[in-house]
Amino acid sequence: VHLAEQAAGNRDFIRCSLGELLEGTAPAKPDERAVTVFSPFGLGI
């Protein structure tokens, strides 16, 4: 994801966090047929 940010020059390709999905505040998936990638860095919390 870091390398993708460097290639794109932004983080716009990240739709949301898992926490936002749990809270119901995430934007809808733009294309239901798209492959979804969950990339968890692994948080100390």
PDB file of all heavy atoms in Angstrom:
ATOM      1  N   VAL A   1       0.835  -1.198   0.000  1.00  0.00           N
ATOM      2  CA  VAL A   1       0.000   0.000   0.000  1.00  0.00           C
ATOM      3  C   VAL A   1       0.874   1.254   0.000  1.00  0.00           C
ATOM      4  O   VAL A   1       0.562   2.249  -0.660  1.00  0.00           O
ATOM      5  CB  VAL A   1      -0.955  -0.009   1.205  1.00  0.00           C
ATOM      6  CG1 VAL A   1      -1.820   1.241   1.222  1.00  0.00           C
ATOM      7  CG2 VAL A   1      -1.854  -1.250   1.167  1.00  0.00           C
ATOM      8  N   HIS A   2       1.967   1.213   0.737  1.00  0.00           N
ATOM      9  CA  HIS A   2       2.917   2.325   0.748  1.00  0.00           C
ATOM     10  C   HIS A   2       3.505   2.550  -0.645  1.00  0.00           C
ATOM     11  O   HIS A   2       3.587   3.697  -1.138  1.00  0.00           O
ATOM     12  CB  HIS A   2       4.030   2.038   1.757  1.00  0.00           C
ATOM     13  CG  HIS A   2       4.979   3.164   1.970  1.00  0.00           C
ATOM     14  ND1 HIS A   2       6.226   2.998   2.517  1.00  0.00           N
ATOM     15  CD2 HIS A   2       4.874   4.491   1.692  1.00  0.00           C
ATOM     16  CE1 HIS A   2       6.846   4.165   2.583  1.00  0.00           C
ATOM     17  NE2 HIS A   2       6.044   5.087   2.083  1.00  0.00           N
ATOM     18  N   LEU A   3       3.892   1.471  -1.308  1.00  0.00           N
ATOM     19  CA  LEU A   3       4.442   1.577  -2.659  1.00  0.00           C
ATOM     20  C   LEU A   3       3.388   2.095  -3.637  1.00  0.00           C
ATOM     21  O   LEU A   3       3.700   2.864  -4.556  1.00  0.00           O
ATOM     22  CB  LEU A   3       4.973   0.218  -3.119  1.00  0.00           C
ATOM     23  CG  LEU A   3       6.149  -0.361  -2.308  1.00  0.00           C
ATOM     24  CD1 LEU A   3       6.509  -1.751  -2.831  1.00  0.00           C
ATOM     25  CD2 LEU A   3       7.354   0.564  -2.354  1.00  0.00           C
ATOM     26  N   ALA A   4       2.137   1.675  -3.427  1.00  0.00           N
ATOM     27  CA  ALA A   4       1.052   2.168  -4.287  1.00  0.00           C
ATOM     28  C   ALA A   4       0.840   3.663  -4.075  1.00  0.00           C
ATOM     29  O   ALA A   4       0.582   4.406  -5.031  1.00  0.00           O
ATOM     30  CB  ALA A   4      -0.234   1.394  -3.997  1.00  0.00           C
ATOM     31  N   GLU A   5       0.951   4.117  -2.824  1.00  0.00           N
ATOM     32  CA  GLU A   5       0.839   5.547  -2.544  1.00  0.00           C
ATOM     33  C   GLU A   5       1.953   6.325  -3.258  1.00  0.00           C
ATOM     34  O   GLU A   5       1.704   7.389  -3.844  1.00  0.00           O
ATOM     35  CB  GLU A   5       0.922   5.793  -1.042  1.00  0.00           C
ATOM     36  CG  GLU A   5       0.862   7.270  -0.669  1.00  0.00           C
ATOM     37  CD  GLU A   5       1.279   7.537   0.773  1.00  0.00           C
ATOM     38  OE1 GLU A   5       2.133   6.788   1.285  1.00  0.00           O
ATOM     39  OE2 GLU A   5       0.755   8.487   1.369  1.00  0.00           O
ATOM     40  N   GLN A   6       3.150   5.792  -3.228  1.00  0.00           N
ATOM     41  CA  GLN A   6       4.260   6.459  -3.902  1.00  0.00           C
ATOM     42  C   GLN A   6       4.032   6.505  -5.412  1.00  0.00           C
ATOM     43  O   GLN A   6       4.344   7.507  -6.065  1.00  0.00           O
ATOM     44  CB  GLN A   6       5.559   5.724  -3.577  1.00  0.00           C
ATOM     45  CG  GLN A   6       5.975   5.830  -2.120  1.00  0.00           C
ATOM     46  CD  GLN A   6       7.167   4.955  -1.780  1.00  0.00           C
ATOM     47  OE1 GLN A   6       7.561   4.092  -2.565  1.00  0.00           O
ATOM     48  NE2 GLN A   6       7.746   5.161  -0.613  1.00  0.00           N
ATOM     49  N   ALA A   7       3.474   5.437  -5.958  1.00  0.00           N
ATOM     50  CA  ALA A   7       3.223   5.392  -7.402  1.00  0.00           C
ATOM     51  C   ALA A   7       2.100   6.341  -7.804  1.00  0.00           C
ATOM     52  O   ALA A   7       2.173   7.010  -8.839  1.00  0.00           O
ATOM     53  CB  ALA A   7       2.885   3.963  -7.832  1.00  0.00           C
ATOM     54  N   ALA A   8       1.055   6.422  -6.973  1.00  0.00           N
ATOM     55  CA  ALA A   8      -0.113   7.245  -7.312  1.00  0.00           C
ATOM     56  C   ALA A   8       0.063   8.703  -6.920  1.00  0.00           C
ATOM     57  O   ALA A   8      -0.587   9.589  -7.482  1.00  0.00           O
ATOM     58  CB  ALA A   8      -1.354   6.674  -6.635  1.00  0.00           C
ATOM     59  N   GLY A   9       0.908   8.950  -5.924  1.00  0.00           N
ATOM     60  CA  GLY A   9       1.074  10.309  -5.424  1.00  0.00           C
ATOM     61  C   GLY A   9       0.005  10.733  -4.454  1.00  0.00           C
ATOM     62  O   GLY A   9      -0.062  11.911  -4.068  1.00  0.00           O
ATOM     63  N   ASN A  10      -0.849   9.803  -4.040  1.00  0.00           N
ATOM     64  CA  ASN A  10      -1.919  10.100  -3.086  1.00  0.00           C
ATOM     65  C   ASN A  10      -2.439   8.797  -2.493  1.00  0.00           C
ATOM     66  O   ASN A  10      -1.985   7.699  -2.872  1.00  0.00           O
ATOM     67  CB  ASN A  10      -3.059  10.880  -3.762  1.00  0.00           C
ATOM     68  CG  ASN A  10      -3.647  10.112  -4.935  1.00  0.00           C
ATOM     69  OD1 ASN A  10      -4.205   9.041  -4.778  1.00  0.00           O
ATOM     70  ND2 ASN A  10      -3.508  10.685  -6.138  1.00  0.00           N
ATOM     71  N   ARG A  11      -3.404   8.935  -1.581  1.00  0.00           N
ATOM     72  CA  ARG A  11      -4.026   7.766  -0.963  1.00  0.00           C
ATOM     73  C   ARG A  11      -5.492   7.618  -1.371  1.00  0.00           C
ATOM     74  O   ARG A  11      -6.261   6.925  -0.696  1.00  0.00           O
ATOM     75  CB  ARG A  11      -3.938   7.858   0.563  1.00  0.00           C
ATOM     76  CG  ARG A  11      -2.528   7.899   1.107  1.00  0.00           C
ATOM     77  CD  ARG A  11      -2.518   8.067   2.613  1.00  0.00           C
ATOM     78  NE  ARG A  11      -1.160   8.183   3.117  1.00  0.00           N
ATOM     79  CZ  ARG A  11      -0.853   8.476   4.389  1.00  0.00           C
ATOM     80  NH1 ARG A  11      -1.831   8.675   5.272  1.00  0.00           N
ATOM     81  NH2 ARG A  11       0.406   8.558   4.765  1.00  0.00           N
ATOM     82  N   ASP A  12      -5.868   8.228  -2.455  1.00  0.00           N
ATOM     83  CA  ASP A  12      -7.270   8.199  -2.867  1.00  0.00           C
ATOM     84  C   ASP A  12      -7.760   6.798  -3.188  1.00  0.00           C
ATOM     85  O   ASP A  12      -8.973   6.550  -3.215  1.00  0.00           O
ATOM     86  CB  ASP A  12      -7.480   9.102  -4.087  1.00  0.00           C
ATOM     87  CG  ASP A  12      -7.215  10.568  -3.780  1.00  0.00           C
ATOM     88  OD1 ASP A  12      -7.117  10.912  -2.582  1.00  0.00           O
ATOM     89  OD2 ASP A  12      -7.089  11.360  -4.733  1.00  0.00           O
ATOM     90  N   PHE A  13      -6.843   5.877  -3.446  1.00  0.00           N
ATOM     91  CA  PHE A  13      -7.237   4.503  -3.774  1.00  0.00           C
ATOM     92  C   PHE A  13      -7.694   3.725  -2.536  1.00  0.00           C
ATOM     93  O   PHE A  13      -8.243   2.628  -2.664  1.00  0.00           O
ATOM     94  CB  PHE A  13      -6.078   3.767  -4.454  1.00  0.00           C
ATOM     95  CG  PHE A  13      -4.832   3.673  -3.602  1.00  0.00           C
ATOM     96  CD1 PHE A  13      -4.614   2.586  -2.781  1.00  0.00           C
ATOM     97  CD2 PHE A  13      -3.891   4.698  -3.612  1.00  0.00           C
ATOM     98  CE1 PHE A  13      -3.481   2.496  -1.993  1.00  0.00           C
ATOM     99  CE2 PHE A  13      -2.748   4.626  -2.839  1.00  0.00           C
ATOM    100  CZ  PHE A  13      -2.541   3.524  -2.020  1.00  0.00           C
ATOM    101  N   ILE A  14      -7.463   4.257  -1.340  1.00  0.00           N
ATOM    102  CA  ILE A  14      -7.945   3.625  -0.109  1.00  0.00           C
ATOM    103  C   ILE A  14      -9.368   4.102   0.144  1.00  0.00           C
ATOM    104  O   ILE A  14      -9.604   5.295   0.340  1.00  0.00           O
ATOM    105  CB  ILE A  14      -7.048   3.972   1.092  1.00  0.00           C
ATOM    106  CG1 ILE A  14      -5.632   3.456   0.865  1.00  0.00           C
ATOM    107  CG2 ILE A  14      -7.629   3.380   2.379  1.00  0.00           C
ATOM    108  CD1 ILE A  14      -4.649   3.839   1.969  1.00  0.00           C
ATOM    109  N   ARG A  15     -10.317   3.182   0.140  1.00  0.00           N
ATOM    110  CA  ARG A  15     -11.720   3.579   0.324  1.00  0.00           C
ATOM    111  C   ARG A  15     -12.017   3.906   1.779  1.00  0.00           C
ATOM    112  O   ARG A  15     -12.668   4.916   2.074  1.00  0.00           O
ATOM    113  CB  ARG A  15     -12.660   2.464  -0.156  1.00  0.00           C
ATOM    114  CG  ARG A  15     -14.139   2.737   0.142  1.00  0.00           C
ATOM    115  CD  ARG A  15     -15.053   1.837  -0.659  1.00  0.00           C
ATOM    116  NE  ARG A  15     -14.885   0.432  -0.386  1.00  0.00           N
ATOM    117  CZ  ARG A  15     -15.662  -0.282   0.439  1.00  0.00           C
ATOM    118  NH1 ARG A  15     -16.645   0.309   1.111  1.00  0.00           N
ATOM    119  NH2 ARG A  15     -15.452  -1.578   0.617  1.00  0.00           N
ATOM    120  N   CYS A  16     -11.560   3.070   2.707  1.00  0.00           N
ATOM    121  CA  CYS A  16     -11.934   3.274   4.113  1.00  0.00           C
ATOM    122  C   CYS A  16     -11.121   2.345   4.995  1.00  0.00           C
ATOM    123  O   CYS A  16     -10.329   1.528   4.517  1.00  0.00           O
ATOM    124  CB  CYS A  16     -13.425   2.993   4.305  1.00  0.00           C
ATOM    125  SG  CYS A  16     -13.889   1.270   3.958  1.00  0.00           S
ATOM    126  N   SER A  17     -11.359   2.443   6.294  1.00  0.00           N
ATOM    127  CA  SER A  17     -10.769   1.522   7.265  1.00  0.00           C
ATOM    128  C   SER A  17     -11.819   0.506   7.703  1.00  0.00           C
ATOM    129  O   SER A  17     -13.030   0.719   7.541  1.00  0.00           O
ATOM    130  CB  SER A  17     -10.256   2.280   8.488  1.00  0.00           C
ATOM    131  OG  SER A  17     -11.335   2.786   9.251  1.00  0.00           O
ATOM    132  N   LEU A  18     -11.353  -0.583   8.270  1.00  0.00           N
ATOM    133  CA  LEU A  18     -12.273  -1.595   8.793  1.00  0.00           C
ATOM    134  C   LEU A  18     -13.115  -1.013   9.925  1.00  0.00           C
ATOM    135  O   LEU A  18     -14.306  -1.322  10.050  1.00  0.00           O
ATOM    136  CB  LEU A  18     -11.485  -2.814   9.274  1.00  0.00           C
ATOM    137  CG  LEU A  18     -12.309  -3.958   9.883  1.00  0.00           C
ATOM    138  CD1 LEU A  18     -13.382  -4.451   8.923  1.00  0.00           C
ATOM    139  CD2 LEU A  18     -11.384  -5.105  10.298  1.00  0.00           C
ATOM    140  N   GLY A  19     -12.509  -0.160  10.752  1.00  0.00           N
ATOM    141  CA  GLY A  19     -13.264   0.473  11.829  1.00  0.00           C
ATOM    142  C   GLY A  19     -14.417   1.309  11.312  1.00  0.00           C
ATOM    143  O   GLY A  19     -15.511   1.324  11.894  1.00  0.00           O
ATOM    144  N   GLU A  20     -14.205   2.013  10.202  1.00  0.00           N
ATOM    145  CA  GLU A  20     -15.286   2.809   9.605  1.00  0.00           C
ATOM    146  C   GLU A  20     -16.398   1.916   9.089  1.00  0.00           C
ATOM    147  O   GLU A  20     -17.587   2.263   9.175  1.00  0.00           O
ATOM    148  CB  GLU A  20     -14.724   3.681   8.485  1.00  0.00           C
ATOM    149  CG  GLU A  20     -13.850   4.817   8.996  1.00  0.00           C
ATOM    150  CD  GLU A  20     -13.115   5.527   7.884  1.00  0.00           C
ATOM    151  OE1 GLU A  20     -12.693   4.869   6.907  1.00  0.00           O
ATOM    152  OE2 GLU A  20     -12.951   6.760   7.995  1.00  0.00           O
ATOM    153  N   LEU A  21     -16.048   0.748   8.557  1.00  0.00           N
ATOM    154  CA  LEU A  21     -17.075  -0.203   8.148  1.00  0.00           C
ATOM    155  C   LEU A  21     -17.873  -0.682   9.350  1.00  0.00           C
ATOM    156  O   LEU A  21     -19.105  -0.796   9.293  1.00  0.00           O
ATOM    157  CB  LEU A  21     -16.427  -1.395   7.430  1.00  0.00           C
ATOM    158  CG  LEU A  21     -15.918  -1.153   6.010  1.00  0.00           C
ATOM    159  CD1 LEU A  21     -15.107  -2.349   5.526  1.00  0.00           C
ATOM    160  CD2 LEU A  21     -17.080  -0.893   5.060  1.00  0.00           C
ATOM    161  N   LEU A  22     -17.197  -0.961  10.446  1.00  0.00           N
ATOM    162  CA  LEU A  22     -17.885  -1.412  11.659  1.00  0.00           C
ATOM    163  C   LEU A  22     -18.786  -0.321  12.227  1.00  0.00           C
ATOM    164  O   LEU A  22     -19.875  -0.609  12.751  1.00  0.00           O
ATOM    165  CB  LEU A  22     -16.860  -1.837  12.708  1.00  0.00           C
ATOM    166  CG  LEU A  22     -16.044  -3.094  12.387  1.00  0.00           C
ATOM    167  CD1 LEU A  22     -14.908  -3.256  13.388  1.00  0.00           C
ATOM    168  CD2 LEU A  22     -16.931  -4.335  12.384  1.00  0.00           C
ATOM    169  N   GLU A  23     -18.352   0.930  12.114  1.00  0.00           N
ATOM    170  CA  GLU A  23     -19.128   2.050  12.627  1.00  0.00           C
ATOM    171  C   GLU A  23     -20.211   2.503  11.652  1.00  0.00           C
ATOM    172  O   GLU A  23     -21.052   3.332  12.002  1.00  0.00           O
ATOM    173  CB  GLU A  23     -18.203   3.231  12.930  1.00  0.00           C
ATOM    174  CG  GLU A  23     -17.342   3.056  14.156  1.00  0.00           C
ATOM    175  CD  GLU A  23     -18.144   3.196  15.446  1.00  0.00           C
ATOM    176  OE1 GLU A  23     -18.327   4.322  15.940  1.00  0.00           O
ATOM    177  OE2 GLU A  23     -18.600   2.144  15.950  1.00  0.00           O
ATOM    178  N   GLY A  24     -20.202   1.977  10.439  1.00  0.00           N
ATOM    179  CA  GLY A  24     -21.204   2.355   9.453  1.00  0.00           C
ATOM    180  C   GLY A  24     -20.972   3.714   8.833  1.00  0.00           C
ATOM    181  O   GLY A  24     -21.913   4.326   8.304  1.00  0.00           O
ATOM    182  N   THR A  25     -19.731   4.205   8.872  1.00  0.00           N
ATOM    183  CA  THR A  25     -19.418   5.537   8.329  1.00  0.00           C
ATOM    184  C   THR A  25     -18.608   5.469   7.039  1.00  0.00           C
ATOM    185  O   THR A  25     -18.203   6.505   6.521  1.00  0.00           O
ATOM    186  CB  THR A  25     -18.646   6.365   9.366  1.00  0.00           C
ATOM    187  OG1 THR A  25     -17.415   5.690   9.697  1.00  0.00           O
ATOM    188  CG2 THR A  25     -19.464   6.556  10.635  1.00  0.00           C
ATOM    189  N   ALA A  26     -18.365   4.282   6.521  1.00  0.00           N
ATOM    190  CA  ALA A  26     -17.535   4.140   5.322  1.00  0.00           C
ATOM    191  C   ALA A  26     -18.352   4.390   4.065  1.00  0.00           C
ATOM    192  O   ALA A  26     -19.551   4.090   4.020  1.00  0.00           O
ATOM    193  CB  ALA A  26     -16.938   2.739   5.273  1.00  0.00           C
ATOM    194  N   PRO A  27     -17.724   4.941   3.038  1.00  0.00           N
ATOM    195  CA  PRO A  27     -18.422   5.065   1.752  1.00  0.00           C
ATOM    196  C   PRO A  27     -18.686   3.694   1.146  1.00  0.00           C
ATOM    197  O   PRO A  27     -17.980   2.725   1.425  1.00  0.00           O
ATOM    198  CB  PRO A  27     -17.435   5.870   0.892  1.00  0.00           C
ATOM    199  CG  PRO A  27     -16.103   5.642   1.511  1.00  0.00           C
ATOM    200  CD  PRO A  27     -16.353   5.470   2.983  1.00  0.00           C
ATOM    201  N   ALA A  28     -19.704   3.614   0.323  1.00  0.00           N
ATOM    202  CA  ALA A  28     -20.066   2.346  -0.303  1.00  0.00           C
ATOM    203  C   ALA A  28     -18.993   1.906  -1.288  1.00  0.00           C
ATOM    204  O   ALA A  28     -18.290   2.734  -1.882  1.00  0.00           O
ATOM    205  CB  ALA A  28     -21.404   2.479  -1.015  1.00  0.00           C
ATOM    206  N   LYS A  29     -18.868   0.615  -1.462  1.00  0.00           N
ATOM    207  CA  LYS A  29     -17.954   0.082  -2.458  1.00  0.00           C
ATOM    208  C   LYS A  29     -18.415   0.533  -3.842  1.00  0.00           C
ATOM    209  O   LYS A  29     -19.578   0.344  -4.209  1.00  0.00           O
ATOM    210  CB  LYS A  29     -17.931  -1.449  -2.363  1.00  0.00           C
ATOM    211  CG  LYS A  29     -16.950  -2.137  -3.281  1.00  0.00           C
ATOM    212  CD  LYS A  29     -16.970  -3.642  -3.035  1.00  0.00           C
ATOM    213  CE  LYS A  29     -16.016  -4.369  -3.981  1.00  0.00           C
ATOM    214  NZ  LYS A  29     -15.982  -5.832  -3.728  1.00  0.00           N
ATOM    215  N   PRO A  30     -17.530   1.142  -4.621  1.00  0.00           N
ATOM    216  CA  PRO A  30     -17.975   1.730  -5.891  1.00  0.00           C
ATOM    217  C   PRO A  30     -18.399   0.708  -6.932  1.00  0.00           C
ATOM    218  O   PRO A  30     -19.235   0.989  -7.775  1.00  0.00           O
ATOM    219  CB  PRO A  30     -16.748   2.521  -6.363  1.00  0.00           C
ATOM    220  CG  PRO A  30     -15.597   1.896  -5.658  1.00  0.00           C
ATOM    221  CD  PRO A  30     -16.130   1.429  -4.338  1.00  0.00           C
ATOM    222  N   ASP A  31     -17.826  -0.491  -6.879  1.00  0.00           N
ATOM    223  CA  ASP A  31     -18.142  -1.529  -7.860  1.00  0.00           C
ATOM    224  C   ASP A  31     -18.173  -2.871  -7.136  1.00  0.00           C
ATOM    225  O   ASP A  31     -17.142  -3.356  -6.669  1.00  0.00           O
ATOM    226  CB  ASP A  31     -17.086  -1.542  -8.974  1.00  0.00           C
ATOM    227  CG  ASP A  31     -17.346  -2.604 -10.034  1.00  0.00           C
ATOM    228  OD1 ASP A  31     -18.358  -3.332  -9.923  1.00  0.00           O
ATOM    229  OD2 ASP A  31     -16.534  -2.718 -10.966  1.00  0.00           O
ATOM    230  N   GLU A  32     -19.345  -3.468  -7.035  1.00  0.00           N
ATOM    231  CA  GLU A  32     -19.491  -4.710  -6.286  1.00  0.00           C
ATOM    232  C   GLU A  32     -18.705  -5.859  -6.909  1.00  0.00           C
ATOM    233  O   GLU A  32     -18.431  -6.847  -6.238  1.00  0.00           O
ATOM    234  CB  GLU A  32     -20.974  -5.091  -6.179  1.00  0.00           C
ATOM    235  CG  GLU A  32     -21.764  -4.182  -5.258  1.00  0.00           C
ATOM    236  CD  GLU A  32     -21.219  -4.169  -3.835  1.00  0.00           C
ATOM    237  OE1 GLU A  32     -20.815  -5.251  -3.341  1.00  0.00           O
ATOM    238  OE2 GLU A  32     -21.178  -3.093  -3.224  1.00  0.00           O
ATOM    239  N   ARG A  33     -18.360  -5.751  -8.171  1.00  0.00           N
ATOM    240  CA  ARG A  33     -17.603  -6.817  -8.826  1.00  0.00           C
ATOM    241  C   ARG A  33     -16.094  -6.665  -8.636  1.00  0.00           C
ATOM    242  O   ARG A  33     -15.334  -7.576  -8.957  1.00  0.00           O
ATOM    243  CB  ARG A  33     -17.921  -6.845 -10.330  1.00  0.00           C
ATOM    244  CG  ARG A  33     -19.359  -7.237 -10.635  1.00  0.00           C
ATOM    245  CD  ARG A  33     -19.644  -7.152 -12.133  1.00  0.00           C
ATOM    246  NE  ARG A  33     -18.735  -7.993 -12.914  1.00  0.00           N
ATOM    247  CZ  ARG A  33     -18.911  -9.288 -13.137  1.00  0.00           C
ATOM    248  NH1 ARG A  33     -19.971  -9.910 -12.622  1.00  0.00           N
ATOM    249  NH2 ARG A  33     -18.046  -9.969 -13.866  1.00  0.00           N
ATOM    250  N   ALA A  34     -15.664  -5.530  -8.110  1.00  0.00           N
ATOM    251  CA  ALA A  34     -14.234  -5.295  -7.916  1.00  0.00           C
ATOM    252  C   ALA A  34     -13.672  -6.205  -6.826  1.00  0.00           C
ATOM    253  O   ALA A  34     -14.365  -6.556  -5.866  1.00  0.00           O
ATOM    254  CB  ALA A  34     -13.987  -3.832  -7.561  1.00  0.00           C
ATOM    255  N   VAL A  35     -12.406  -6.570  -6.974  1.00  0.00           N
ATOM    256  CA  VAL A  35     -11.711  -7.320  -5.930  1.00  0.00           C
ATOM    257  C   VAL A  35     -11.388  -6.368  -4.787  1.00  0.00           C
ATOM    258  O   VAL A  35     -10.881  -5.258  -5.007  1.00  0.00           O
ATOM    259  CB  VAL A  35     -10.410  -7.935  -6.489  1.00  0.00           C
ATOM    260  CG1 VAL A  35      -9.587  -8.572  -5.364  1.00  0.00           C
ATOM    261  CG2 VAL A  35     -10.721  -8.956  -7.572  1.00  0.00           C
ATOM    262  N   THR A  36     -11.704  -6.780  -3.565  1.00  0.00           N
ATOM    263  CA  THR A  36     -11.388  -5.976  -2.386  1.00  0.00           C
ATOM    264  C   THR A  36     -10.152  -6.537  -1.699  1.00  0.00           C
ATOM    265  O   THR A  36     -10.056  -7.750  -1.468  1.00  0.00           O
ATOM    266  CB  THR A  36     -12.566  -5.948  -1.392  1.00  0.00           C
ATOM    267  OG1 THR A  36     -13.681  -5.308  -2.000  1.00  0.00           O
ATOM    268  CG2 THR A  36     -12.182  -5.190  -0.125  1.00  0.00           C
ATOM    269  N   VAL A  37      -9.219  -5.667  -1.378  1.00  0.00           N
ATOM    270  CA  VAL A  37      -8.006  -6.060  -0.658  1.00  0.00           C
ATOM    271  C   VAL A  37      -8.050  -5.427   0.727  1.00  0.00           C
ATOM    272  O   VAL A  37      -8.181  -4.208   0.858  1.00  0.00           O
ATOM    273  CB  VAL A  37      -6.736  -5.600  -1.409  1.00  0.00           C
ATOM    274  CG1 VAL A  37      -5.496  -5.949  -0.578  1.00  0.00           C
ATOM    275  CG2 VAL A  37      -6.656  -6.263  -2.774  1.00  0.00           C
ATOM    276  N   PHE A  38      -7.954  -6.266   1.753  1.00  0.00           N
ATOM    277  CA  PHE A  38      -7.835  -5.773   3.137  1.00  0.00           C
ATOM    278  C   PHE A  38      -6.376  -5.862   3.541  1.00  0.00           C
ATOM    279  O   PHE A  38      -5.792  -6.949   3.581  1.00  0.00           O
ATOM    280  CB  PHE A  38      -8.702  -6.587   4.087  1.00  0.00           C
ATOM    281  CG  PHE A  38      -8.522  -6.219   5.540  1.00  0.00           C
ATOM    282  CD1 PHE A  38      -8.737  -4.919   5.972  1.00  0.00           C
ATOM    283  CD2 PHE A  38      -8.137  -7.170   6.476  1.00  0.00           C
ATOM    284  CE1 PHE A  38      -8.572  -4.563   7.312  1.00  0.00           C
ATOM    285  CE2 PHE A  38      -7.976  -6.834   7.815  1.00  0.00           C
ATOM    286  CZ  PHE A  38      -8.193  -5.523   8.227  1.00  0.00           C
ATOM    287  N   SER A  39      -5.776  -4.710   3.819  1.00  0.00           N
ATOM    288  CA  SER A  39      -4.353  -4.635   4.178  1.00  0.00           C
ATOM    289  C   SER A  39      -4.223  -4.119   5.604  1.00  0.00           C
ATOM    290  O   SER A  39      -4.258  -2.911   5.843  1.00  0.00           O
ATOM    291  CB  SER A  39      -3.601  -3.714   3.205  1.00  0.00           C
ATOM    292  OG  SER A  39      -3.669  -4.196   1.888  1.00  0.00           O
ATOM    293  N   PRO A  40      -4.068  -4.997   6.589  1.00  0.00           N
ATOM    294  CA  PRO A  40      -3.927  -4.557   7.979  1.00  0.00           C
ATOM    295  C   PRO A  40      -2.466  -4.469   8.397  1.00  0.00           C
ATOM    296  O   PRO A  40      -1.748  -5.469   8.383  1.00  0.00           O
ATOM    297  CB  PRO A  40      -4.645  -5.674   8.750  1.00  0.00           C
ATOM    298  CG  PRO A  40      -4.390  -6.904   7.922  1.00  0.00           C
ATOM    299  CD  PRO A  40      -4.237  -6.458   6.482  1.00  0.00           C
ATOM    300  N   PHE A  41      -2.026  -3.274   8.772  1.00  0.00           N
ATOM    301  CA  PHE A  41      -0.647  -3.123   9.221  1.00  0.00           C
ATOM    302  C   PHE A  41      -0.425  -3.865  10.536  1.00  0.00           C
ATOM    303  O   PHE A  41       0.683  -4.323  10.815  1.00  0.00           O
ATOM    304  CB  PHE A  41      -0.316  -1.640   9.390  1.00  0.00           C
ATOM    305  CG  PHE A  41       1.145  -1.363   9.559  1.00  0.00           C
ATOM    306  CD1 PHE A  41       2.014  -1.478   8.493  1.00  0.00           C
ATOM    307  CD2 PHE A  41       1.659  -0.985  10.789  1.00  0.00           C
ATOM    308  CE1 PHE A  41       3.377  -1.225   8.642  1.00  0.00           C
ATOM    309  CE2 PHE A  41       3.012  -0.729  10.950  1.00  0.00           C
ATOM    310  CZ  PHE A  41       3.873  -0.854   9.875  1.00  0.00           C
ATOM    311  N   GLY A  42      -1.488  -3.992  11.324  1.00  0.00           N
ATOM    312  CA  GLY A  42      -1.369  -4.632  12.627  1.00  0.00           C
ATOM    313  C   GLY A  42      -1.165  -3.580  13.688  1.00  0.00           C
ATOM    314  O   GLY A  42      -0.059  -3.088  13.884  1.00  0.00           O
ATOM    315  N   LEU A  43      -2.252  -3.209  14.359  1.00  0.00           N
ATOM    316  CA  LEU A  43      -2.218  -2.083  15.286  1.00  0.00           C
ATOM    317  C   LEU A  43      -2.007  -2.562  16.721  1.00  0.00           C
ATOM    318  O   LEU A  43      -2.614  -3.538  17.163  1.00  0.00           O
ATOM    319  CB  LEU A  43      -3.522  -1.287  15.184  1.00  0.00           C
ATOM    320  CG  LEU A  43      -3.908  -0.815  13.782  1.00  0.00           C
ATOM    321  CD1 LEU A  43      -5.207  -0.024  13.824  1.00  0.00           C
ATOM    322  CD2 LEU A  43      -2.788   0.017  13.159  1.00  0.00           C
ATOM    323  N   GLY A  44      -1.181  -1.816  17.454  1.00  0.00           N
ATOM    324  CA  GLY A  44      -0.911  -2.185  18.839  1.00  0.00           C
ATOM    325  C   GLY A  44      -2.139  -2.188  19.726  1.00  0.00           C
ATOM    326  O   GLY A  44      -2.170  -2.887  20.743  1.00  0.00           O
ATOM    327  N   ILE A  45      -3.170  -1.430  19.355  1.00  0.00           N
ATOM    328  CA  ILE A  45      -4.392  -1.434  20.159  1.00  0.00           C
ATOM    329  C   ILE A  45      -5.046  -2.805  20.177  1.00  0.00           C
ATOM    330  O   ILE A  45      -5.716  -3.167  21.152  1.00  0.00           O
ATOM    331  CB  ILE A  45      -5.403  -0.380  19.657  1.00  0.00           C
ATOM    332  CG1 ILE A  45      -5.695  -0.571  18.167  1.00  0.00           C
ATOM    333  CG2 ILE A  45      -4.916   1.030  19.961  1.00  0.00           C
ATOM    334  CD1 ILE A  45      -6.808   0.303  17.626  1.00  0.00           C
TER     335      ILE A  45
END
